[in-house]
């Protein structure tokens, strides 16, 4: 199997004439947390983007990893970032350099499907 794509959302604004029902909703994608990186998640890197991550579990902390891409030999993942039950996190990817893999995607991992990802396209 291949990685599962995280649905991207384009926020409405800044001065829409009207806002239809559901037009402000954010699409969330549950983590493909099976312990095999090849079967984890990704999103297409278009930059600038905001990665949102939430733990939907009621009592247990879980982790996620944001995989970096080498820049001049440097690689620095955000590894095993822990989210307590109900906690949320955000990571701003202004420029894709250092995060976009050679296939044009940003790769994500999580240790449980209670972790959900959302990506906001900010252009």
PDB file of N, CA and C in Angstrom:
ATOM      1  N   UNK A   1       0.826  -1.186   0.000  1.00  0.00           N
ATOM      2  CA  UNK A   1       0.000   0.000   0.000  1.00  0.00           C
ATOM      3  C   UNK A   1       0.870   1.249   0.000  1.00  0.00           C
ATOM      4  N   UNK A   2       0.281   2.338  -0.399  1.00  0.00           N
ATOM      5  CA  UNK A   2       0.984   3.612  -0.418  1.00  0.00           C
ATOM      6  C   UNK A   2       0.480   4.492   0.713  1.00  0.00           C
ATOM      7  N   UNK A   3       1.215   5.567   0.964  1.00  0.00           N
ATOM      8  CA  UNK A   3       0.774   6.545   1.960  1.00  0.00           C
ATOM      9  C   UNK A   3      -0.603   7.076   1.585  1.00  0.00           C
ATOM     10  N   UNK A   4      -1.363   7.500   2.600  1.00  0.00           N
ATOM     11  CA  UNK A   4      -2.711   8.037   2.393  1.00  0.00           C
ATOM     12  C   UNK A   4      -2.633   9.557   2.422  1.00  0.00           C
ATOM     13  N   UNK A   5      -3.244  10.196   1.427  1.00  0.00           N
ATOM     14  CA  UNK A   5      -3.183  11.654   1.315  1.00  0.00           C
ATOM     15  C   UNK A   5      -4.092  12.333   2.332  1.00  0.00           C
ATOM     16  N   UNK A   6      -3.573  13.396   2.937  1.00  0.00           N
ATOM     17  CA  UNK A   6      -4.348  14.252   3.828  1.00  0.00           C
ATOM     18  C   UNK A   6      -5.057  15.284   2.958  1.00  0.00           C
ATOM     19  N   UNK A   7      -6.362  15.429   3.165  1.00  0.00           N
ATOM     20  CA  UNK A   7      -7.141  16.399   2.405  1.00  0.00           C
ATOM     21  C   UNK A   7      -6.739  17.808   2.800  1.00  0.00           C
ATOM     22  N   UNK A   8      -6.512  18.649   1.807  1.00  0.00           N
ATOM     23  CA  UNK A   8      -6.147  20.048   2.064  1.00  0.00           C
ATOM     24  C   UNK A   8      -7.387  20.924   1.980  1.00  0.00           C
ATOM     25  N   UNK A   9      -7.418  21.983   2.788  1.00  0.00           N
ATOM     26  CA  UNK A   9      -8.528  22.927   2.822  1.00  0.00           C
ATOM     27  C   UNK A   9      -7.999  24.311   2.468  1.00  0.00           C
ATOM     28  N   UNK A  10      -8.740  25.031   1.641  1.00  0.00           N
ATOM     29  CA  UNK A  10      -8.410  26.423   1.340  1.00  0.00           C
ATOM     30  C   UNK A  10      -9.356  27.314   2.136  1.00  0.00           C
ATOM     31  N   UNK A  11      -8.833  28.047   3.126  1.00  0.00           N
ATOM     32  CA  UNK A  11      -9.697  28.893   3.945  1.00  0.00           C
ATOM     33  C   UNK A  11     -10.389  29.980   3.121  1.00  0.00           C
ATOM     34  N   UNK A  12     -11.576  30.350   3.546  1.00  0.00           N
ATOM     35  CA  UNK A  12     -12.351  31.409   2.913  1.00  0.00           C
ATOM     36  C   UNK A  12     -11.940  32.738   3.525  1.00  0.00           C
ATOM     37  N   UNK A  13     -11.887  33.766   2.723  1.00  0.00           N
ATOM     38  CA  UNK A  13     -11.604  35.083   3.279  1.00  0.00           C
ATOM     39  C   UNK A  13     -10.788  35.911   2.312  1.00  0.00           C
ATOM     40  N   UNK A  14     -10.422  37.111   2.657  1.00  0.00           N
ATOM     41  CA  UNK A  14     -10.700  37.748   3.934  1.00  0.00           C
ATOM     42  C   UNK A  14     -12.054  38.442   3.995  1.00  0.00           C
ATOM     43  N   UNK A  15     -12.683  38.756   2.837  1.00  0.00           N
ATOM     44  CA  UNK A  15     -13.950  39.496   2.853  1.00  0.00           C
ATOM     45  C   UNK A  15     -14.932  38.878   1.863  1.00  0.00           C
ATOM     46  N   UNK A  16     -15.405  37.660   2.138  1.00  0.00           N
ATOM     47  CA  UNK A  16     -16.340  37.049   1.189  1.00  0.00           C
ATOM     48  C   UNK A  16     -17.689  37.771   1.197  1.00  0.00           C
ATOM     49  N   UNK A  17     -18.343  37.796   0.060  1.00  0.00           N
ATOM     50  CA  UNK A  17     -19.662  38.429  -0.039  1.00  0.00           C
ATOM     51  C   UNK A  17     -20.677  37.685   0.816  1.00  0.00           C
ATOM     52  N   UNK A  18     -20.570  36.365   0.833  1.00  0.00           N
ATOM     53  CA  UNK A  18     -21.429  35.535   1.677  1.00  0.00           C
ATOM     54  C   UNK A  18     -20.683  34.242   1.965  1.00  0.00           C
ATOM     55  N   UNK A  19     -21.107  33.578   3.015  1.00  0.00           N
ATOM     56  CA  UNK A  19     -20.469  32.313   3.383  1.00  0.00           C
ATOM     57  C   UNK A  19     -21.549  31.240   3.429  1.00  0.00           C
ATOM     58  N   UNK A  20     -21.435  30.282   2.521  1.00  0.00           N
ATOM     59  CA  UNK A  20     -22.416  29.200   2.444  1.00  0.00           C
ATOM     60  C   UNK A  20     -22.216  28.217   3.598  1.00  0.00           C
ATOM     61  N   UNK A  21     -23.252  27.447   3.881  1.00  0.00           N
ATOM     62  CA  UNK A  21     -23.164  26.406   4.908  1.00  0.00           C
ATOM     63  C   UNK A  21     -22.007  25.471   4.590  1.00  0.00           C
ATOM     64  N   UNK A  22     -21.240  25.121   5.588  1.00  0.00           N
ATOM     65  CA  UNK A  22     -20.086  24.210   5.503  1.00  0.00           C
ATOM     66  C   UNK A  22     -18.874  24.806   4.793  1.00  0.00           C
ATOM     67  N   UNK A  23     -18.930  26.047   4.340  1.00  0.00           N
ATOM     68  CA  UNK A  23     -17.816  26.656   3.605  1.00  0.00           C
ATOM     69  C   UNK A  23     -16.601  26.917   4.490  1.00  0.00           C
ATOM     70  N   UNK A  24     -16.773  26.950   5.798  1.00  0.00           N
ATOM     71  CA  UNK A  24     -15.666  27.219   6.716  1.00  0.00           C
ATOM     72  C   UNK A  24     -15.150  25.956   7.406  1.00  0.00           C
ATOM     73  N   UNK A  25     -15.700  24.805   7.060  1.00  0.00           N
ATOM     74  CA  UNK A  25     -15.292  23.546   7.680  1.00  0.00           C
ATOM     75  C   UNK A  25     -13.873  23.166   7.291  1.00  0.00           C
ATOM     76  N   UNK A  26     -13.189  22.499   8.196  1.00  0.00           N
ATOM     77  CA  UNK A  26     -11.840  21.992   7.944  1.00  0.00           C
ATOM     78  C   UNK A  26     -11.933  20.486   7.744  1.00  0.00           C
ATOM     79  N   UNK A  27     -11.281  19.983   6.710  1.00  0.00           N
ATOM     80  CA  UNK A  27     -11.258  18.547   6.443  1.00  0.00           C
ATOM     81  C   UNK A  27     -10.163  17.889   7.282  1.00  0.00           C
ATOM     82  N   UNK A  28     -10.522  16.906   8.084  1.00  0.00           N
ATOM     83  CA  UNK A  28      -9.567  16.165   8.918  1.00  0.00           C
ATOM     84  C   UNK A  28      -9.400  14.762   8.368  1.00  0.00           C
ATOM     85  N   UNK A  29      -8.174  14.242   8.427  1.00  0.00           N
ATOM     86  CA  UNK A  29      -7.854  12.896   7.959  1.00  0.00           C
ATOM     87  C   UNK A  29      -7.225  12.122   9.101  1.00  0.00           C
ATOM     88  N   UNK A  30      -7.799  10.967   9.435  1.00  0.00           N
ATOM     89  CA  UNK A  30      -7.238  10.125  10.494  1.00  0.00           C
ATOM     90  C   UNK A  30      -5.901   9.546  10.049  1.00  0.00           C
ATOM     91  N   UNK A  31      -4.970   9.454  10.977  1.00  0.00           N
ATOM     92  CA  UNK A  31      -3.643   8.911  10.684  1.00  0.00           C
ATOM     93  C   UNK A  31      -3.740   7.444  10.288  1.00  0.00           C
ATOM     94  N   UNK A  32      -2.928   7.066   9.341  1.00  0.00           N
ATOM     95  CA  UNK A  32      -2.767   5.666   8.955  1.00  0.00           C
ATOM     96  C   UNK A  32      -1.648   5.100   9.823  1.00  0.00           C
ATOM     97  N   UNK A  33      -1.968   4.751  11.041  1.00  0.00           N
ATOM     98  CA  UNK A  33      -0.959   4.414  12.048  1.00  0.00           C
ATOM     99  C   UNK A  33      -0.773   2.902  12.156  1.00  0.00           C
ATOM    100  N   UNK A  34      -0.118   2.329  11.172  1.00  0.00           N
ATOM    101  CA  UNK A  34       0.095   0.883  11.227  1.00  0.00           C
ATOM    102  C   UNK A  34       1.546   0.512  11.452  1.00  0.00           C
ATOM    103  N   UNK A  35       2.379   1.491  11.760  1.00  0.00           N
ATOM    104  CA  UNK A  35       3.774   1.203  12.063  1.00  0.00           C
ATOM    105  C   UNK A  35       4.670   1.033  10.857  1.00  0.00           C
ATOM    106  N   UNK A  36       4.143   1.210   9.664  1.00  0.00           N
ATOM    107  CA  UNK A  36       4.935   1.095   8.447  1.00  0.00           C
ATOM    108  C   UNK A  36       4.965   2.448   7.761  1.00  0.00           C
ATOM    109  N   UNK A  37       6.106   3.152   7.764  1.00  0.00           N
ATOM    110  CA  UNK A  37       6.150   4.488   7.160  1.00  0.00           C
ATOM    111  C   UNK A  37       5.605   4.554   5.737  1.00  0.00           C
ATOM    112  N   UNK A  38       5.785   3.504   4.949  1.00  0.00           N
ATOM    113  CA  UNK A  38       5.288   3.520   3.574  1.00  0.00           C
ATOM    114  C   UNK A  38       3.770   3.590   3.528  1.00  0.00           C
ATOM    115  N   UNK A  39       3.114   3.279   4.632  1.00  0.00           N
ATOM    116  CA  UNK A  39       1.654   3.297   4.682  1.00  0.00           C
ATOM    117  C   UNK A  39       1.130   4.385   5.603  1.00  0.00           C
ATOM    118  N   UNK A  40       1.887   5.412   5.827  1.00  0.00           N
ATOM    119  CA  UNK A  40       1.466   6.493   6.715  1.00  0.00           C
ATOM    120  C   UNK A  40       0.721   7.563   5.910  1.00  0.00           C
ATOM    121  N   UNK A  41       0.950   8.842   6.156  1.00  0.00           N
ATOM    122  CA  UNK A  41       0.215   9.908   5.483  1.00  0.00           C
ATOM    123  C   UNK A  41       1.157  10.880   4.776  1.00  0.00           C
ATOM    124  N   UNK A  42       0.570  11.703   3.903  1.00  0.00           N
ATOM    125  CA  UNK A  42       1.312  12.753   3.216  1.00  0.00           C
ATOM    126  C   UNK A  42       0.333  13.828   2.781  1.00  0.00           C
ATOM    127  N   UNK A  43       0.867  14.998   2.442  1.00  0.00           N
ATOM    128  CA  UNK A  43       0.082  15.990   1.724  1.00  0.00           C
ATOM    129  C   UNK A  43       0.962  16.619   0.668  1.00  0.00           C
ATOM    130  N   UNK A  44       0.318  17.083  -0.410  1.00  0.00           N
ATOM    131  CA  UNK A  44       1.029  17.718  -1.503  1.00  0.00           C
ATOM    132  C   UNK A  44       1.506  19.082  -1.022  1.00  0.00           C
ATOM    133  N   UNK A  45       2.796  19.328  -1.167  1.00  0.00           N
ATOM    134  CA  UNK A  45       3.412  20.558  -0.699  1.00  0.00           C
ATOM    135  C   UNK A  45       3.266  21.643  -1.749  1.00  0.00           C
ATOM    136  N   UNK A  46       2.505  22.684  -1.402  1.00  0.00           N
ATOM    137  CA  UNK A  46       2.340  23.817  -2.308  1.00  0.00           C
ATOM    138  C   UNK A  46       2.864  25.095  -1.685  1.00  0.00           C
ATOM    139  N   UNK A  47       3.029  25.141  -0.359  1.00  0.00           N
ATOM    140  CA  UNK A  47       3.539  26.276   0.401  1.00  0.00           C
ATOM    141  C   UNK A  47       2.884  27.593   0.020  1.00  0.00           C
ATOM    142  N   UNK A  48       2.624  28.486   0.913  1.00  0.00           N
ATOM    143  CA  UNK A  48       2.683  28.263   2.355  1.00  0.00           C
ATOM    144  C   UNK A  48       1.454  27.483   2.841  1.00  0.00           C
ATOM    145  N   UNK A  49       1.687  26.659   3.865  1.00  0.00           N
ATOM    146  CA  UNK A  49       0.625  25.823   4.401  1.00  0.00           C
ATOM    147  C   UNK A  49       0.722  25.747   5.924  1.00  0.00           C
ATOM    148  N   UNK A  50      -0.408  25.442   6.551  1.00  0.00           N
ATOM    149  CA  UNK A  50      -0.454  25.234   7.998  1.00  0.00           C
ATOM    150  C   UNK A  50      -0.909  23.794   8.231  1.00  0.00           C
ATOM    151  N   UNK A  51      -0.065  23.042   8.935  1.00  0.00           N
ATOM    152  CA  UNK A  51      -0.414  21.677   9.321  1.00  0.00           C
ATOM    153  C   UNK A  51      -1.062  21.735  10.699  1.00  0.00           C
ATOM    154  N   UNK A  52      -2.264  21.206  10.806  1.00  0.00           N
ATOM    155  CA  UNK A  52      -2.957  21.090  12.086  1.00  0.00           C
ATOM    156  C   UNK A  52      -2.991  19.620  12.474  1.00  0.00           C
ATOM    157  N   UNK A  53      -2.761  19.349  13.745  1.00  0.00           N
ATOM    158  CA  UNK A  53      -2.760  17.971  14.234  1.00  0.00           C
ATOM    159  C   UNK A  53      -3.556  17.945  15.530  1.00  0.00           C
ATOM    160  N   UNK A  54      -4.419  16.948  15.680  1.00  0.00           N
ATOM    161  CA  UNK A  54      -5.169  16.829  16.926  1.00  0.00           C
ATOM    162  C   UNK A  54      -5.241  15.373  17.372  1.00  0.00           C
ATOM    163  N   UNK A  55      -5.321  15.207  18.686  1.00  0.00           N
ATOM    164  CA  UNK A  55      -5.494  13.895  19.284  1.00  0.00           C
ATOM    165  C   UNK A  55      -6.952  13.800  19.724  1.00  0.00           C
ATOM    166  N   UNK A  56      -7.711  12.936  19.087  1.00  0.00           N
ATOM    167  CA  UNK A  56      -9.143  12.820  19.362  1.00  0.00           C
ATOM    168  C   UNK A  56      -9.461  11.845  20.496  1.00  0.00           C
ATOM    169  N   UNK A  57      -8.452  11.189  21.039  1.00  0.00           N
ATOM    170  CA  UNK A  57      -8.702  10.222  22.108  1.00  0.00           C
ATOM    171  C   UNK A  57      -9.076  10.937  23.398  1.00  0.00           C
ATOM    172  N   UNK A  58      -9.953  10.330  24.192  1.00  0.00           N
ATOM    173  CA  UNK A  58     -10.456  10.956  25.414  1.00  0.00           C
ATOM    174  C   UNK A  58      -9.485  10.885  26.589  1.00  0.00           C
ATOM    175  N   UNK A  59      -8.564   9.905  26.586  1.00  0.00           N
ATOM    176  CA  UNK A  59      -7.716   9.733  27.767  1.00  0.00           C
ATOM    177  C   UNK A  59      -6.236   9.489  27.507  1.00  0.00           C
ATOM    178  N   UNK A  60      -5.852   9.122  26.302  1.00  0.00           N
ATOM    179  CA  UNK A  60      -4.491   8.665  26.037  1.00  0.00           C
ATOM    180  C   UNK A  60      -3.717   9.628  25.144  1.00  0.00           C
ATOM    181  N   UNK A  61      -2.457   9.876  25.499  1.00  0.00           N
ATOM    182  CA  UNK A  61      -1.564  10.678  24.662  1.00  0.00           C
ATOM    183  C   UNK A  61      -1.038   9.824  23.507  1.00  0.00           C
ATOM    184  N   UNK A  62      -0.886  10.434  22.338  1.00  0.00           N
ATOM    185  CA  UNK A  62      -0.289   9.784  21.174  1.00  0.00           C
ATOM    186  C   UNK A  62       0.691  10.748  20.517  1.00  0.00           C
ATOM    187  N   UNK A  63       1.511  10.228  19.611  1.00  0.00           N
ATOM    188  CA  UNK A  63       2.543  11.048  18.987  1.00  0.00           C
ATOM    189  C   UNK A  63       2.403  11.086  17.467  1.00  0.00           C
ATOM    190  N   UNK A  64       3.023  12.126  16.887  1.00  0.00           N
ATOM    191  CA  UNK A  64       3.132  12.211  15.436  1.00  0.00           C
ATOM    192  C   UNK A  64       4.539  12.675  15.085  1.00  0.00           C
ATOM    193  N   UNK A  65       4.923  12.413  13.841  1.00  0.00           N
ATOM    194  CA  UNK A  65       6.224  12.823  13.311  1.00  0.00           C
ATOM    195  C   UNK A  65       6.019  13.525  11.984  1.00  0.00           C
ATOM    196  N   UNK A  66       6.709  14.636  11.807  1.00  0.00           N
ATOM    197  CA  UNK A  66       6.745  15.380  10.555  1.00  0.00           C
ATOM    198  C   UNK A  66       8.129  15.150   9.972  1.00  0.00           C
ATOM    199  N   UNK A  67       8.189  14.430   8.842  1.00  0.00           N
ATOM    200  CA  UNK A  67       9.470  14.064   8.244  1.00  0.00           C
ATOM    201  C   UNK A  67      10.071  15.213   7.448  1.00  0.00           C
ATOM    202  N   UNK A  68      11.318  15.534   7.735  1.00  0.00           N
ATOM    203  CA  UNK A  68      11.999  16.580   6.982  1.00  0.00           C
ATOM    204  C   UNK A  68      12.660  15.989   5.745  1.00  0.00           C
ATOM    205  N   UNK A  69      13.132  16.867   4.888  1.00  0.00           N
ATOM    206  CA  UNK A  69      13.894  16.480   3.702  1.00  0.00           C
ATOM    207  C   UNK A  69      15.278  17.096   3.837  1.00  0.00           C
ATOM    208  N   UNK A  70      16.306  16.395   3.402  1.00  0.00           N
ATOM    209  CA  UNK A  70      17.668  16.912   3.582  1.00  0.00           C
ATOM    210  C   UNK A  70      17.899  18.236   2.867  1.00  0.00           C
ATOM    211  N   UNK A  71      18.548  19.161   3.582  1.00  0.00           N
ATOM    212  CA  UNK A  71      19.017  20.417   2.996  1.00  0.00           C
ATOM    213  C   UNK A  71      20.514  20.469   3.253  1.00  0.00           C
ATOM    214  N   UNK A  72      21.293  20.402   2.187  1.00  0.00           N
ATOM    215  CA  UNK A  72      22.751  20.452   2.314  1.00  0.00           C
ATOM    216  C   UNK A  72      23.247  19.473   3.379  1.00  0.00           C
ATOM    217  N   UNK A  73      22.665  18.264   3.370  1.00  0.00           N
ATOM    218  CA  UNK A  73      23.095  17.225   4.295  1.00  0.00           C
ATOM    219  C   UNK A  73      22.426  17.254   5.660  1.00  0.00           C
ATOM    220  N   UNK A  74      21.647  18.303   5.954  1.00  0.00           N
ATOM    221  CA  UNK A  74      20.972  18.411   7.245  1.00  0.00           C
ATOM    222  C   UNK A  74      19.560  17.847   7.135  1.00  0.00           C
ATOM    223  N   UNK A  75      19.179  17.092   8.126  1.00  0.00           N
ATOM    224  CA  UNK A  75      17.819  16.576   8.206  1.00  0.00           C
ATOM    225  C   UNK A  75      17.381  16.674   9.658  1.00  0.00           C
ATOM    226  N   UNK A  76      16.217  17.260   9.907  1.00  0.00           N
ATOM    227  CA  UNK A  76      15.779  17.483  11.285  1.00  0.00           C
ATOM    228  C   UNK A  76      14.268  17.276  11.373  1.00  0.00           C
ATOM    229  N   UNK A  77      13.860  16.022  11.582  1.00  0.00           N
ATOM    230  CA  UNK A  77      12.448  15.708  11.726  1.00  0.00           C
ATOM    231  C   UNK A  77      11.883  16.315  13.006  1.00  0.00           C
ATOM    232  N   UNK A  78      10.585  16.556  12.998  1.00  0.00           N
ATOM    233  CA  UNK A  78       9.856  16.790  14.245  1.00  0.00           C
ATOM    234  C   UNK A  78       9.402  15.387  14.645  1.00  0.00           C
ATOM    235  N   UNK A  79      10.087  14.790  15.607  1.00  0.00           N
ATOM    236  CA  UNK A  79       9.939  13.358  15.887  1.00  0.00           C
ATOM    237  C   UNK A  79       9.157  13.099  17.158  1.00  0.00           C
ATOM    238  N   UNK A  80       8.193  12.181  17.046  1.00  0.00           N
ATOM    239  CA  UNK A  80       7.421  11.702  18.196  1.00  0.00           C
ATOM    240  C   UNK A  80       6.911  12.842  19.066  1.00  0.00           C
ATOM    241  N   UNK A  81       6.334  13.842  18.436  1.00  0.00           N
ATOM    242  CA  UNK A  81       5.764  14.973  19.155  1.00  0.00           C
ATOM    243  C   UNK A  81       4.499  14.487  19.858  1.00  0.00           C
ATOM    244  N   UNK A  82       4.461  14.606  21.157  1.00  0.00           N
ATOM    245  CA  UNK A  82       3.368  14.056  21.950  1.00  0.00           C
ATOM    246  C   UNK A  82       2.225  15.051  22.107  1.00  0.00           C
ATOM    247  N   UNK A  83       1.013  14.537  21.881  1.00  0.00           N
ATOM    248  CA  UNK A  83      -0.203  15.307  22.110  1.00  0.00           C
ATOM    249  C   UNK A  83      -1.029  14.586  23.172  1.00  0.00           C
ATOM    250  N   UNK A  84      -1.315  15.269  24.263  1.00  0.00           N
ATOM    251  CA  UNK A  84      -2.176  14.706  25.300  1.00  0.00           C
ATOM    252  C   UNK A  84      -3.580  14.528  24.733  1.00  0.00           C
ATOM    253  N   UNK A  85      -4.401  13.773  25.428  1.00  0.00           N
ATOM    254  CA  UNK A  85      -5.788  13.564  25.005  1.00  0.00           C
ATOM    255  C   UNK A  85      -6.469  14.903  24.777  1.00  0.00           C
ATOM    256  N   UNK A  86      -7.086  15.070  23.605  1.00  0.00           N
ATOM    257  CA  UNK A  86      -7.800  16.293  23.276  1.00  0.00           C
ATOM    258  C   UNK A  86      -6.933  17.465  22.859  1.00  0.00           C
ATOM    259  N   UNK A  87      -5.624  17.305  22.892  1.00  0.00           N
ATOM    260  CA  UNK A  87      -4.715  18.405  22.572  1.00  0.00           C
ATOM    261  C   UNK A  87      -4.569  18.579  21.057  1.00  0.00           C
ATOM    262  N   UNK A  88      -4.209  19.799  20.652  1.00  0.00           N
ATOM    263  CA  UNK A  88      -4.014  20.134  19.243  1.00  0.00           C
ATOM    264  C   UNK A  88      -2.677  20.840  19.055  1.00  0.00           C
ATOM    265  N   UNK A  89      -2.143  20.761  17.843  1.00  0.00           N
ATOM    266  CA  UNK A  89      -0.880  21.426  17.527  1.00  0.00           C
ATOM    267  C   UNK A  89      -0.969  22.004  16.119  1.00  0.00           C
ATOM    268  N   UNK A  90      -0.116  22.997  15.846  1.00  0.00           N
ATOM    269  CA  UNK A  90      -0.057  23.610  14.521  1.00  0.00           C
ATOM    270  C   UNK A  90       1.407  23.795  14.141  1.00  0.00           C
ATOM    271  N   UNK A  91       1.708  23.615  12.854  1.00  0.00           N
ATOM    272  CA  UNK A  91       3.063  23.802  12.339  1.00  0.00           C
ATOM    273  C   UNK A  91       2.954  24.556  11.024  1.00  0.00           C
ATOM    274  N   UNK A  92       3.592  25.729  10.956  1.00  0.00           N
ATOM    275  CA  UNK A  92       3.531  26.592   9.777  1.00  0.00           C
ATOM    276  C   UNK A  92       4.664  26.247   8.824  1.00  0.00           C
ATOM    277  N   UNK A  93       4.318  25.896   7.601  1.00  0.00           N
ATOM    278  CA  UNK A  93       5.299  25.595   6.564  1.00  0.00           C
ATOM    279  C   UNK A  93       5.256  26.727   5.539  1.00  0.00           C
ATOM    280  N   UNK A  94       5.958  27.821   5.870  1.00  0.00           N
ATOM    281  CA  UNK A  94       5.952  28.980   4.979  1.00  0.00           C
ATOM    282  C   UNK A  94       6.570  28.629   3.633  1.00  0.00           C
ATOM    283  N   UNK A  95       7.705  27.967   3.685  1.00  0.00           N
ATOM    284  CA  UNK A  95       8.392  27.536   2.477  1.00  0.00           C
ATOM    285  C   UNK A  95       8.614  26.030   2.587  1.00  0.00           C
ATOM    286  N   UNK A  96       8.429  25.306   1.491  1.00  0.00           N
ATOM    287  CA  UNK A  96       8.536  23.851   1.553  1.00  0.00           C
ATOM    288  C   UNK A  96       9.968  23.332   1.675  1.00  0.00           C
ATOM    289  N   UNK A  97      10.962  24.196   1.443  1.00  0.00           N
ATOM    290  CA  UNK A  97      12.351  23.760   1.531  1.00  0.00           C
ATOM    291  C   UNK A  97      12.621  23.132   2.900  1.00  0.00           C
ATOM    292  N   UNK A  98      13.141  21.927   2.884  1.00  0.00           N
ATOM    293  CA  UNK A  98      13.437  21.222   4.125  1.00  0.00           C
ATOM    294  C   UNK A  98      12.327  20.293   4.571  1.00  0.00           C
ATOM    295  N   UNK A  99      11.172  20.368   3.934  1.00  0.00           N
ATOM    296  CA  UNK A  99      10.039  19.504   4.286  1.00  0.00           C
ATOM    297  C   UNK A  99       9.522  18.740   3.081  1.00  0.00           C
ATOM    298  N   UNK A 100       9.572  19.349   1.886  1.00  0.00           N
ATOM    299  CA  UNK A 100       9.083  18.681   0.674  1.00  0.00           C
ATOM    300  C   UNK A 100      10.061  17.587   0.263  1.00  0.00           C
ATOM    301  N   UNK A 101       9.534  16.380   0.126  1.00  0.00           N
ATOM    302  CA  UNK A 101      10.336  15.241  -0.318  1.00  0.00           C
ATOM    303  C   UNK A 101      10.536  15.336  -1.838  1.00  0.00           C
ATOM    304  N   UNK A 102      11.357  14.465  -2.383  1.00  0.00           N
ATOM    305  CA  UNK A 102      11.662  14.513  -3.820  1.00  0.00           C
ATOM    306  C   UNK A 102      10.423  14.293  -4.688  1.00  0.00           C
ATOM    307  N   UNK A 103       9.370  13.680  -4.138  1.00  0.00           N
ATOM    308  CA  UNK A 103       8.141  13.462  -4.905  1.00  0.00           C
ATOM    309  C   UNK A 103       7.165  14.631  -4.800  1.00  0.00           C
ATOM    310  N   UNK A 104       7.555  15.714  -4.086  1.00  0.00           N
ATOM    311  CA  UNK A 104       6.706  16.886  -3.959  1.00  0.00           C
ATOM    312  C   UNK A 104       5.756  16.852  -2.773  1.00  0.00           C
ATOM    313  N   UNK A 105       5.879  15.836  -1.929  1.00  0.00           N
ATOM    314  CA  UNK A 105       4.978  15.670  -0.796  1.00  0.00           C
ATOM    315  C   UNK A 105       5.682  15.913   0.533  1.00  0.00           C
ATOM    316  N   UNK A 106       4.895  16.218   1.557  1.00  0.00           N
ATOM    317  CA  UNK A 106       5.371  16.267   2.936  1.00  0.00           C
ATOM    318  C   UNK A 106       4.837  15.008   3.614  1.00  0.00           C
ATOM    319  N   UNK A 107       5.722  14.253   4.262  1.00  0.00           N
ATOM    320  CA  UNK A 107       5.347  12.975   4.867  1.00  0.00           C
ATOM    321  C   UNK A 107       5.110  13.101   6.366  1.00  0.00           C
ATOM    322  N   UNK A 108       4.065  12.399   6.829  1.00  0.00           N
ATOM    323  CA  UNK A 108       3.648  12.420   8.225  1.00  0.00           C
ATOM    324  C   UNK A 108       3.504  10.999   8.747  1.00  0.00           C
ATOM    325  N   UNK A 109       3.714  10.838  10.034  1.00  0.00           N
ATOM    326  CA  UNK A 109       3.511   9.549  10.690  1.00  0.00           C
ATOM    327  C   UNK A 109       2.834   9.791  12.027  1.00  0.00           C
ATOM    328  N   UNK A 110       2.139   8.786  12.539  1.00  0.00           N
ATOM    329  CA  UNK A 110       1.527   8.857  13.865  1.00  0.00           C
ATOM    330  C   UNK A 110       1.492   7.450  14.440  1.00  0.00           C
ATOM    331  N   UNK A 111       1.399   7.366  15.771  1.00  0.00           N
ATOM    332  CA  UNK A 111       1.403   6.040  16.383  1.00  0.00           C
ATOM    333  C   UNK A 111       0.008   5.530  16.716  1.00  0.00           C
ATOM    334  N   UNK A 112      -1.050   6.278  16.321  1.00  0.00           N
ATOM    335  CA  UNK A 112      -2.406   5.813  16.550  1.00  0.00           C
ATOM    336  C   UNK A 112      -3.355   6.588  15.635  1.00  0.00           C
ATOM    337  N   UNK A 113      -4.435   5.929  15.213  1.00  0.00           N
ATOM    338  CA  UNK A 113      -5.417   6.571  14.334  1.00  0.00           C
ATOM    339  C   UNK A 113      -6.244   7.642  15.048  1.00  0.00           C
ATOM    340  N   UNK A 114      -6.085   7.788  16.369  1.00  0.00           N
ATOM    341  CA  UNK A 114      -6.746   8.881  17.092  1.00  0.00           C
ATOM    342  C   UNK A 114      -6.117  10.225  16.727  1.00  0.00           C
ATOM    343  N   UNK A 115      -4.922  10.187  16.152  1.00  0.00           N
ATOM    344  CA  UNK A 115      -4.288  11.402  15.635  1.00  0.00           C
ATOM    345  C   UNK A 115      -4.922  11.717  14.290  1.00  0.00           C
ATOM    346  N   UNK A 116      -5.327  12.974  14.119  1.00  0.00           N
ATOM    347  CA  UNK A 116      -5.897  13.432  12.862  1.00  0.00           C
ATOM    348  C   UNK A 116      -5.116  14.618  12.342  1.00  0.00           C
ATOM    349  N   UNK A 117      -4.992  14.696  11.015  1.00  0.00           N
ATOM    350  CA  UNK A 117      -4.267  15.764  10.348  1.00  0.00           C
ATOM    351  C   UNK A 117      -5.220  16.601   9.498  1.00  0.00           C
ATOM    352  N   UNK A 118      -4.924  17.899   9.412  1.00  0.00           N
ATOM    353  CA  UNK A 118      -5.586  18.802   8.473  1.00  0.00           C
ATOM    354  C   UNK A 118      -4.525  19.742   7.938  1.00  0.00           C
ATOM    355  N   UNK A 119      -4.670  20.146   6.690  1.00  0.00           N
ATOM    356  CA  UNK A 119      -3.722  21.066   6.070  1.00  0.00           C
ATOM    357  C   UNK A 119      -4.501  22.234   5.489  1.00  0.00           C
ATOM    358  N   UNK A 120      -4.090  23.449   5.864  1.00  0.00           N
ATOM    359  CA  UNK A 120      -4.683  24.656   5.326  1.00  0.00           C
ATOM    360  C   UNK A 120      -3.743  25.250   4.291  1.00  0.00           C
ATOM    361  N   UNK A 121      -4.219  25.410   3.068  1.00  0.00           N
ATOM    362  CA  UNK A 121      -3.451  26.088   2.022  1.00  0.00           C
ATOM    363  C   UNK A 121      -3.608  27.588   2.252  1.00  0.00           C
ATOM    364  N   UNK A 122      -2.508  28.301   2.426  1.00  0.00           N
ATOM    365  CA  UNK A 122      -2.556  29.709   2.804  1.00  0.00           C
ATOM    366  C   UNK A 122      -2.157  30.656   1.681  1.00  0.00           C
ATOM    367  N   UNK A 123      -2.428  30.301   0.451  1.00  0.00           N
ATOM    368  CA  UNK A 123      -2.081  31.186  -0.651  1.00  0.00           C
ATOM    369  C   UNK A 123      -3.295  31.682  -1.368  1.00  0.00           C
TER     370      UNK A 123
END
